[in-house]
Each structure stands twice: as C-alpha cells, then as structure tokens.
PDB file of N, CA and C in Angstrom:
ATOM      1  N   MET A   1     -30.530 -15.038  19.395  1.00  0.00           N
ATOM      2  CA  MET A   1     -29.560 -14.158  18.762  1.00  0.00           C
ATOM      3  C   MET A   1     -29.741 -14.213  17.244  1.00  0.00           C
ATOM      4  N   THR A   2     -29.480 -13.089  16.613  1.00  0.00           N
ATOM      5  CA  THR A   2     -29.633 -12.938  15.179  1.00  0.00           C
ATOM      6  C   THR A   2     -28.322 -12.439  14.593  1.00  0.00           C
ATOM      7  N   LYS A   3     -28.050 -12.834  13.371  1.00  0.00           N
ATOM      8  CA  LYS A   3     -26.871 -12.349  12.658  1.00  0.00           C
ATOM      9  C   LYS A   3     -27.326 -11.853  11.295  1.00  0.00           C
ATOM     10  N   VAL A   4     -26.926 -10.609  10.950  1.00  0.00           N
ATOM     11  CA  VAL A   4     -27.316  -9.980   9.699  1.00  0.00           C
ATOM     12  C   VAL A   4     -26.070  -9.456   9.002  1.00  0.00           C
ATOM     13  N   ARG A   5     -25.987  -9.631   7.693  1.00  0.00           N
ATOM     14  CA  ARG A   5     -24.857  -9.111   6.914  1.00  0.00           C
ATOM     15  C   ARG A   5     -25.266  -7.788   6.277  1.00  0.00           C
ATOM     16  N   VAL A   6     -24.429  -6.753   6.466  1.00  0.00           N
ATOM     17  CA  VAL A   6     -24.729  -5.422   5.949  1.00  0.00           C
ATOM     18  C   VAL A   6     -23.490  -4.789   5.320  1.00  0.00           C
ATOM     19  N   LYS A   7     -23.739  -3.829   4.443  1.00  0.00           N
ATOM     20  CA  LYS A   7     -22.672  -2.979   3.931  1.00  0.00           C
ATOM     21  C   LYS A   7     -22.945  -1.574   4.451  1.00  0.00           C
ATOM     22  N   LEU A   8     -21.958  -1.003   5.105  1.00  0.00           N
ATOM     23  CA  LEU A   8     -22.055   0.344   5.645  1.00  0.00           C
ATOM     24  C   LEU A   8     -21.169   1.257   4.799  1.00  0.00           C
ATOM     25  N   THR A   9     -21.754   2.292   4.228  1.00  0.00           N
ATOM     26  CA  THR A   9     -21.008   3.238   3.405  1.00  0.00           C
ATOM     27  C   THR A   9     -20.971   4.580   4.137  1.00  0.00           C
ATOM     28  N   PHE A  10     -19.755   5.039   4.385  1.00  0.00           N
ATOM     29  CA  PHE A  10     -19.540   6.227   5.200  1.00  0.00           C
ATOM     30  C   PHE A  10     -19.277   7.454   4.340  1.00  0.00           C
ATOM     31  N   PRO A  11     -19.924   8.584   4.656  1.00  0.00           N
ATOM     32  CA  PRO A  11     -19.584   9.830   3.980  1.00  0.00           C
ATOM     33  C   PRO A  11     -18.238  10.342   4.512  1.00  0.00           C
ATOM     34  N   GLU A  12     -17.646  11.240   3.794  1.00  0.00           N
ATOM     35  CA  GLU A  12     -16.314  11.740   4.139  1.00  0.00           C
ATOM     36  C   GLU A  12     -16.221  12.250   5.573  1.00  0.00           C
ATOM     37  N   ASP A  13     -17.228  12.944   6.056  1.00  0.00           N
ATOM     38  CA  ASP A  13     -17.144  13.522   7.397  1.00  0.00           C
ATOM     39  C   ASP A  13     -17.232  12.493   8.520  1.00  0.00           C
ATOM     40  N   LEU A  14     -17.553  11.240   8.215  1.00  0.00           N
ATOM     41  CA  LEU A  14     -17.639  10.209   9.255  1.00  0.00           C
ATOM     42  C   LEU A  14     -16.542   9.150   9.168  1.00  0.00           C
ATOM     43  N   VAL A  15     -15.645   9.275   8.209  1.00  0.00           N
ATOM     44  CA  VAL A  15     -14.621   8.244   8.017  1.00  0.00           C
ATOM     45  C   VAL A  15     -13.760   8.071   9.259  1.00  0.00           C
ATOM     46  N   ARG A  16     -13.480   9.127   9.982  1.00  0.00           N
ATOM     47  CA  ARG A  16     -12.611   9.052  11.163  1.00  0.00           C
ATOM     48  C   ARG A  16     -13.376   8.921  12.487  1.00  0.00           C
ATOM     49  N   THR A  17     -14.674   8.794  12.424  1.00  0.00           N
ATOM     50  CA  THR A  17     -15.510   8.683  13.623  1.00  0.00           C
ATOM     51  C   THR A  17     -15.617   7.220  14.061  1.00  0.00           C
ATOM     52  N   PRO A  18     -15.469   6.913  15.356  1.00  0.00           N
ATOM     53  CA  PRO A  18     -15.530   5.527  15.833  1.00  0.00           C
ATOM     54  C   PRO A  18     -16.969   4.996  15.922  1.00  0.00           C
ATOM     55  N   VAL A  19     -17.614   4.904  14.780  1.00  0.00           N
ATOM     56  CA  VAL A  19     -19.029   4.539  14.726  1.00  0.00           C
ATOM     57  C   VAL A  19     -19.274   3.116  15.233  1.00  0.00           C
ATOM     58  N   LEU A  20     -18.450   2.159  14.824  1.00  0.00           N
ATOM     59  CA  LEU A  20     -18.665   0.776  15.264  1.00  0.00           C
ATOM     60  C   LEU A  20     -18.465   0.635  16.764  1.00  0.00           C
ATOM     61  N   ALA A  21     -17.532   1.353  17.337  1.00  0.00           N
ATOM     62  CA  ALA A  21     -17.328   1.305  18.791  1.00  0.00           C
ATOM     63  C   ALA A  21     -18.583   1.813  19.509  1.00  0.00           C
ATOM     64  N   ARG A  22     -19.154   2.880  18.997  1.00  0.00           N
ATOM     65  CA  ARG A  22     -20.387   3.408  19.598  1.00  0.00           C
ATOM     66  C   ARG A  22     -21.549   2.441  19.424  1.00  0.00           C
ATOM     67  N   LEU A  23     -21.608   1.780  18.271  1.00  0.00           N
ATOM     68  CA  LEU A  23     -22.654   0.791  18.021  1.00  0.00           C
ATOM     69  C   LEU A  23     -22.571  -0.346  19.048  1.00  0.00           C
ATOM     70  N   VAL A  24     -21.375  -0.816  19.307  1.00  0.00           N
ATOM     71  CA  VAL A  24     -21.170  -1.902  20.274  1.00  0.00           C
ATOM     72  C   VAL A  24     -21.602  -1.461  21.666  1.00  0.00           C
ATOM     73  N   ARG A  25     -21.119  -0.311  22.108  1.00  0.00           N
ATOM     74  CA  ARG A  25     -21.400   0.155  23.480  1.00  0.00           C
ATOM     75  C   ARG A  25     -22.865   0.511  23.689  1.00  0.00           C
ATOM     76  N   THR A  26     -23.477   1.131  22.705  1.00  0.00           N
ATOM     77  CA  THR A  26     -24.841   1.624  22.875  1.00  0.00           C
ATOM     78  C   THR A  26     -25.896   0.546  22.670  1.00  0.00           C
ATOM     79  N   PHE A  27     -25.682  -0.347  21.698  1.00  0.00           N
ATOM     80  CA  PHE A  27     -26.730  -1.288  21.312  1.00  0.00           C
ATOM     81  C   PHE A  27     -26.401  -2.745  21.618  1.00  0.00           C
ATOM     82  N   ASP A  28     -25.221  -3.008  22.163  1.00  0.00           N
ATOM     83  CA  ASP A  28     -24.815  -4.373  22.494  1.00  0.00           C
ATOM     84  C   ASP A  28     -24.906  -5.289  21.260  1.00  0.00           C
ATOM     85  N   VAL A  29     -24.406  -4.764  20.146  1.00  0.00           N
ATOM     86  CA  VAL A  29     -24.358  -5.487  18.880  1.00  0.00           C
ATOM     87  C   VAL A  29     -22.897  -5.741  18.560  1.00  0.00           C
ATOM     88  N   GLU A  30     -22.581  -6.962  18.169  1.00  0.00           N
ATOM     89  CA  GLU A  30     -21.196  -7.322  17.875  1.00  0.00           C
ATOM     90  C   GLU A  30     -20.959  -7.387  16.371  1.00  0.00           C
ATOM     91  N   PRO A  31     -20.122  -6.488  15.826  1.00  0.00           N
ATOM     92  CA  PRO A  31     -19.815  -6.532  14.393  1.00  0.00           C
ATOM     93  C   PRO A  31     -18.625  -7.445  14.107  1.00  0.00           C
ATOM     94  N   ASN A  32     -18.731  -8.214  13.047  1.00  0.00           N
ATOM     95  CA  ASN A  32     -17.621  -9.034  12.563  1.00  0.00           C
ATOM     96  C   ASN A  32     -17.300  -8.507  11.164  1.00  0.00           C
ATOM     97  N   ILE A  33     -16.200  -7.763  11.050  1.00  0.00           N
ATOM     98  CA  ILE A  33     -15.851  -7.136   9.777  1.00  0.00           C
ATOM     99  C   ILE A  33     -15.329  -8.202   8.819  1.00  0.00           C
ATOM    100  N   ARG A  34     -15.956  -8.294   7.657  1.00  0.00           N
ATOM    101  CA  ARG A  34     -15.584  -9.289   6.645  1.00  0.00           C
ATOM    102  C   ARG A  34     -14.738  -8.677   5.534  1.00  0.00           C
ATOM    103  N   ARG A  35     -15.041  -7.433   5.169  1.00  0.00           N
ATOM    104  CA  ARG A  35     -14.276  -6.693   4.157  1.00  0.00           C
ATOM    105  C   ARG A  35     -14.415  -5.215   4.465  1.00  0.00           C
ATOM    106  N   ALA A  36     -13.424  -4.451   4.040  1.00  0.00           N
ATOM    107  CA  ALA A  36     -13.508  -3.004   4.229  1.00  0.00           C
ATOM    108  C   ALA A  36     -12.581  -2.306   3.257  1.00  0.00           C
ATOM    109  N   ASP A  37     -12.944  -1.089   2.938  1.00  0.00           N
ATOM    110  CA  ASP A  37     -12.109  -0.217   2.126  1.00  0.00           C
ATOM    111  C   ASP A  37     -12.323   1.189   2.674  1.00  0.00           C
ATOM    112  N   VAL A  38     -11.351   1.657   3.438  1.00  0.00           N
ATOM    113  CA  VAL A  38     -11.466   2.959   4.069  1.00  0.00           C
ATOM    114  C   VAL A  38     -10.289   3.812   3.628  1.00  0.00           C
ATOM    115  N   GLU A  39     -10.616   4.956   3.064  1.00  0.00           N
ATOM    116  CA  GLU A  39      -9.601   5.894   2.608  1.00  0.00           C
ATOM    117  C   GLU A  39      -9.876   7.256   3.236  1.00  0.00           C
ATOM    118  N   GLU A  40      -9.092   8.227   2.873  1.00  0.00           N
ATOM    119  CA  GLU A  40      -9.208   9.569   3.447  1.00  0.00           C
ATOM    120  C   GLU A  40     -10.586  10.186   3.254  1.00  0.00           C
ATOM    121  N   HIS A  41     -11.187  10.014   2.078  1.00  0.00           N
ATOM    122  CA  HIS A  41     -12.419  10.729   1.748  1.00  0.00           C
ATOM    123  C   HIS A  41     -13.658   9.851   1.613  1.00  0.00           C
ATOM    124  N   ARG A  42     -13.508   8.561   1.813  1.00  0.00           N
ATOM    125  CA  ARG A  42     -14.674   7.671   1.718  1.00  0.00           C
ATOM    126  C   ARG A  42     -14.348   6.355   2.396  1.00  0.00           C
ATOM    127  N   GLY A  43     -15.383   5.576   2.627  1.00  0.00           N
ATOM    128  CA  GLY A  43     -15.140   4.257   3.203  1.00  0.00           C
ATOM    129  C   GLY A  43     -16.387   3.403   3.193  1.00  0.00           C
ATOM    130  N   TRP A  44     -16.164   2.099   3.152  1.00  0.00           N
ATOM    131  CA  TRP A  44     -17.266   1.154   3.290  1.00  0.00           C
ATOM    132  C   TRP A  44     -16.771  -0.071   4.055  1.00  0.00           C
ATOM    133  N   ILE A  45     -17.696  -0.695   4.743  1.00  0.00           N
ATOM    134  CA  ILE A  45     -17.402  -1.894   5.526  1.00  0.00           C
ATOM    135  C   ILE A  45     -18.520  -2.895   5.270  1.00  0.00           C
ATOM    136  N   ILE A  46     -18.146  -4.132   5.003  1.00  0.00           N
ATOM    137  CA  ILE A  46     -19.115  -5.226   4.979  1.00  0.00           C
ATOM    138  C   ILE A  46     -18.897  -6.000   6.276  1.00  0.00           C
ATOM    139  N   CYS A  47     -19.959  -6.127   7.044  1.00  0.00           N
ATOM    140  CA  CYS A  47     -19.819  -6.834   8.317  1.00  0.00           C
ATOM    141  C   CYS A  47     -21.080  -7.617   8.643  1.00  0.00           C
ATOM    142  N   GLU A  48     -20.901  -8.553   9.542  1.00  0.00           N
ATOM    143  CA  GLU A  48     -22.018  -9.309  10.090  1.00  0.00           C
ATOM    144  C   GLU A  48     -22.283  -8.748  11.477  1.00  0.00           C
ATOM    145  N   LEU A  49     -23.521  -8.384  11.732  1.00  0.00           N
ATOM    146  CA  LEU A  49     -23.915  -7.868  13.039  1.00  0.00           C
ATOM    147  C   LEU A  49     -24.619  -8.974  13.798  1.00  0.00           C
ATOM    148  N   ASP A  50     -24.136  -9.243  14.987  1.00  0.00           N
ATOM    149  CA  ASP A  50     -24.659 -10.325  15.816  1.00  0.00           C
ATOM    150  C   ASP A  50     -25.247  -9.722  17.087  1.00  0.00           C
ATOM    151  N   GLY A  51     -26.472 -10.119  17.436  1.00  0.00           N
ATOM    152  CA  GLY A  51     -27.107  -9.614  18.648  1.00  0.00           C
ATOM    153  C   GLY A  51     -28.590  -9.919  18.635  1.00  0.00           C
ATOM    154  N   ARG A  52     -29.293  -9.358  19.599  1.00  0.00           N
ATOM    155  CA  ARG A  52     -30.748  -9.512  19.624  1.00  0.00           C
ATOM    156  C   ARG A  52     -31.333  -8.772  18.428  1.00  0.00           C
ATOM    157  N   SER A  53     -32.377  -9.284  17.835  1.00  0.00           N
ATOM    158  CA  SER A  53     -32.940  -8.669  16.626  1.00  0.00           C
ATOM    159  C   SER A  53     -33.396  -7.235  16.874  1.00  0.00           C
ATOM    160  N   ASP A  54     -33.984  -6.946  18.043  1.00  0.00           N
ATOM    161  CA  ASP A  54     -34.412  -5.572  18.323  1.00  0.00           C
ATOM    162  C   ASP A  54     -33.220  -4.642  18.473  1.00  0.00           C
ATOM    163  N   ALA A  55     -32.112  -5.130  19.031  1.00  0.00           N
ATOM    164  CA  ALA A  55     -30.904  -4.321  19.178  1.00  0.00           C
ATOM    165  C   ALA A  55     -30.280  -4.036  17.817  1.00  0.00           C
ATOM    166  N   ILE A  56     -30.281  -5.042  16.937  1.00  0.00           N
ATOM    167  CA  ILE A  56     -29.735  -4.846  15.592  1.00  0.00           C
ATOM    168  C   ILE A  56     -30.574  -3.827  14.830  1.00  0.00           C
ATOM    169  N   GLU A  57     -31.895  -3.945  14.894  1.00  0.00           N
ATOM    170  CA  GLU A  57     -32.767  -2.994  14.208  1.00  0.00           C
ATOM    171  C   GLU A  57     -32.552  -1.575  14.722  1.00  0.00           C
ATOM    172  N   ALA A  58     -32.456  -1.425  16.038  1.00  0.00           N
ATOM    173  CA  ALA A  58     -32.222  -0.106  16.628  1.00  0.00           C
ATOM    174  C   ALA A  58     -30.861   0.436  16.202  1.00  0.00           C
ATOM    175  N   GLY A  59     -29.863  -0.428  16.189  1.00  0.00           N
ATOM    176  CA  GLY A  59     -28.522  -0.018  15.775  1.00  0.00           C
ATOM    177  C   GLY A  59     -28.482   0.417  14.325  1.00  0.00           C
ATOM    178  N   LEU A  60     -29.166  -0.305  13.448  1.00  0.00           N
ATOM    179  CA  LEU A  60     -29.210   0.062  12.031  1.00  0.00           C
ATOM    180  C   LEU A  60     -29.941   1.390  11.829  1.00  0.00           C
ATOM    181  N   SER A  61     -30.996   1.604  12.573  1.00  0.00           N
ATOM    182  CA  SER A  61     -31.710   2.890  12.500  1.00  0.00           C
ATOM    183  C   SER A  61     -30.804   4.028  12.957  1.00  0.00           C
ATOM    184  N   TRP A  62     -30.056   3.791  14.019  1.00  0.00           N
ATOM    185  CA  TRP A  62     -29.129   4.804  14.514  1.00  0.00           C
ATOM    186  C   TRP A  62     -28.049   5.109  13.472  1.00  0.00           C
ATOM    187  N   LEU A  63     -27.490   4.060  12.849  1.00  0.00           N
ATOM    188  CA  LEU A  63     -26.473   4.280  11.823  1.00  0.00           C
ATOM    189  C   LEU A  63     -27.022   5.158  10.696  1.00  0.00           C
ATOM    190  N   ARG A  64     -28.226   4.851  10.249  1.00  0.00           N
ATOM    191  CA  ARG A  64     -28.851   5.666   9.198  1.00  0.00           C
ATOM    192  C   ARG A  64     -29.033   7.109   9.645  1.00  0.00           C
ATOM    193  N   SER A  65     -29.437   7.294  10.894  1.00  0.00           N
ATOM    194  CA  SER A  65     -29.648   8.658  11.401  1.00  0.00           C
ATOM    195  C   SER A  65     -28.344   9.444  11.489  1.00  0.00           C
ATOM    196  N   GLN A  66     -27.222   8.741  11.549  1.00  0.00           N
ATOM    197  CA  GLN A  66     -25.916   9.393  11.591  1.00  0.00           C
ATOM    198  C   GLN A  66     -25.417   9.786  10.199  1.00  0.00           C
ATOM    199  N   GLY A  67     -26.113   9.326   9.144  1.00  0.00           N
ATOM    200  CA  GLY A  67     -25.726   9.649   7.776  1.00  0.00           C
ATOM    201  C   GLY A  67     -24.986   8.527   7.073  1.00  0.00           C
ATOM    202  N   ILE A  68     -25.006   7.346   7.665  1.00  0.00           N
ATOM    203  CA  ILE A  68     -24.344   6.185   7.064  1.00  0.00           C
ATOM    204  C   ILE A  68     -25.370   5.429   6.216  1.00  0.00           C
ATOM    205  N   GLU A  69     -24.984   5.102   5.003  1.00  0.00           N
ATOM    206  CA  GLU A  69     -25.856   4.317   4.129  1.00  0.00           C
ATOM    207  C   GLU A  69     -25.766   2.852   4.563  1.00  0.00           C
ATOM    208  N   VAL A  70     -26.903   2.247   4.852  1.00  0.00           N
ATOM    209  CA  VAL A  70     -26.958   0.855   5.296  1.00  0.00           C
ATOM    210  C   VAL A  70     -27.636   0.030   4.213  1.00  0.00           C
ATOM    211  N   SER A  71     -26.923  -0.964   3.697  1.00  0.00           N
ATOM    212  CA  SER A  71     -27.481  -1.878   2.699  1.00  0.00           C
ATOM    213  C   SER A  71     -27.493  -3.280   3.286  1.00  0.00           C
ATOM    214  N   LEU A  72     -28.667  -3.893   3.328  1.00  0.00           N
ATOM    215  CA  LEU A  72     -28.762  -5.275   3.806  1.00  0.00           C
ATOM    216  C   LEU A  72     -28.281  -6.194   2.691  1.00  0.00           C
ATOM    217  N   LEU A  73     -27.424  -7.122   3.022  1.00  0.00           N
ATOM    218  CA  LEU A  73     -26.868  -8.058   2.042  1.00  0.00           C
ATOM    219  C   LEU A  73     -27.435  -9.444   2.304  1.00  0.00           C
ATOM    220  N   GLY A  74     -28.554  -9.729   1.724  1.00  0.00           N
ATOM    221  CA  GLY A  74     -29.188 -11.033   1.929  1.00  0.00           C
ATOM    222  C   GLY A  74     -30.056 -11.022   3.158  1.00  0.00           C
ATOM    223  N   ASP A  75     -30.549 -12.179   3.478  1.00  0.00           N
ATOM    224  CA  ASP A  75     -31.448 -12.338   4.622  1.00  0.00           C
ATOM    225  C   ASP A  75     -30.653 -12.507   5.899  1.00  0.00           C
ATOM    226  N   VAL A  76     -31.401 -12.703   6.970  1.00  0.00           N
ATOM    227  CA  VAL A  76     -30.805 -13.019   8.253  1.00  0.00           C
ATOM    228  C   VAL A  76     -30.007 -14.307   8.108  1.00  0.00           C
ATOM    229  N   LEU A  77     -28.788 -14.319   8.636  1.00  0.00           N
ATOM    230  CA  LEU A  77     -27.936 -15.511   8.502  1.00  0.00           C
ATOM    231  C   LEU A  77     -28.298 -16.580   9.522  1.00  0.00           C
ATOM    232  N   GLU A  78     -28.562 -16.168  10.760  1.00  0.00           N
ATOM    233  CA  GLU A  78     -28.888 -17.127  11.808  1.00  0.00           C
ATOM    234  C   GLU A  78     -29.889 -16.493  12.748  1.00  0.00           C
ATOM    235  N   SER A  79     -30.727 -17.329  13.367  1.00  0.00           N
ATOM    236  CA  SER A  79     -31.642 -16.840  14.396  1.00  0.00           C
ATOM    237  C   SER A  79     -31.595 -17.767  15.559  1.00  0.00           C
TER     238      SER A  79
END
C-alpha cells in the first residue's frame, strides 16, 4: 500500500460534484482529508490518498481528466 499527499483544486463547475466518492468507488483509493476550503465558486482539498500505487496513479490521472488540478505535495509518505 502507498500513501501520497496531494492538493486538489476544483474549478467552479465541479465544486458540487461528488468527485472523492467516485474516486473511492472506481479506483479503491481511500482519501484522508487533512485541510479544505470549499466555497460557492472555488475549492481546494489537501488529502492523503491511500491505496495500491497503480490505483492511486490511475485515480490521479482520472482527476486531471475531469478538470481538477492535482499538485503532489512531497514524496510518497509510506510504501
């Protein structure tokens, strides 16, 4: 299992979309939200994603394809 810390920045049209729920169901990745700031027109979440490394990579690619900015915050925390 791998754990990675990321910052997810959401555009206005995705603020109300259950993106993390879809990430969990589709990729079997568990997010641990550490900080967040979500408002009507913007939002960001800092979270640790826990799961198999291939599932995390696929999940991050999917998030990017949805229009979410993904910033890696440091290296892998645990392997």
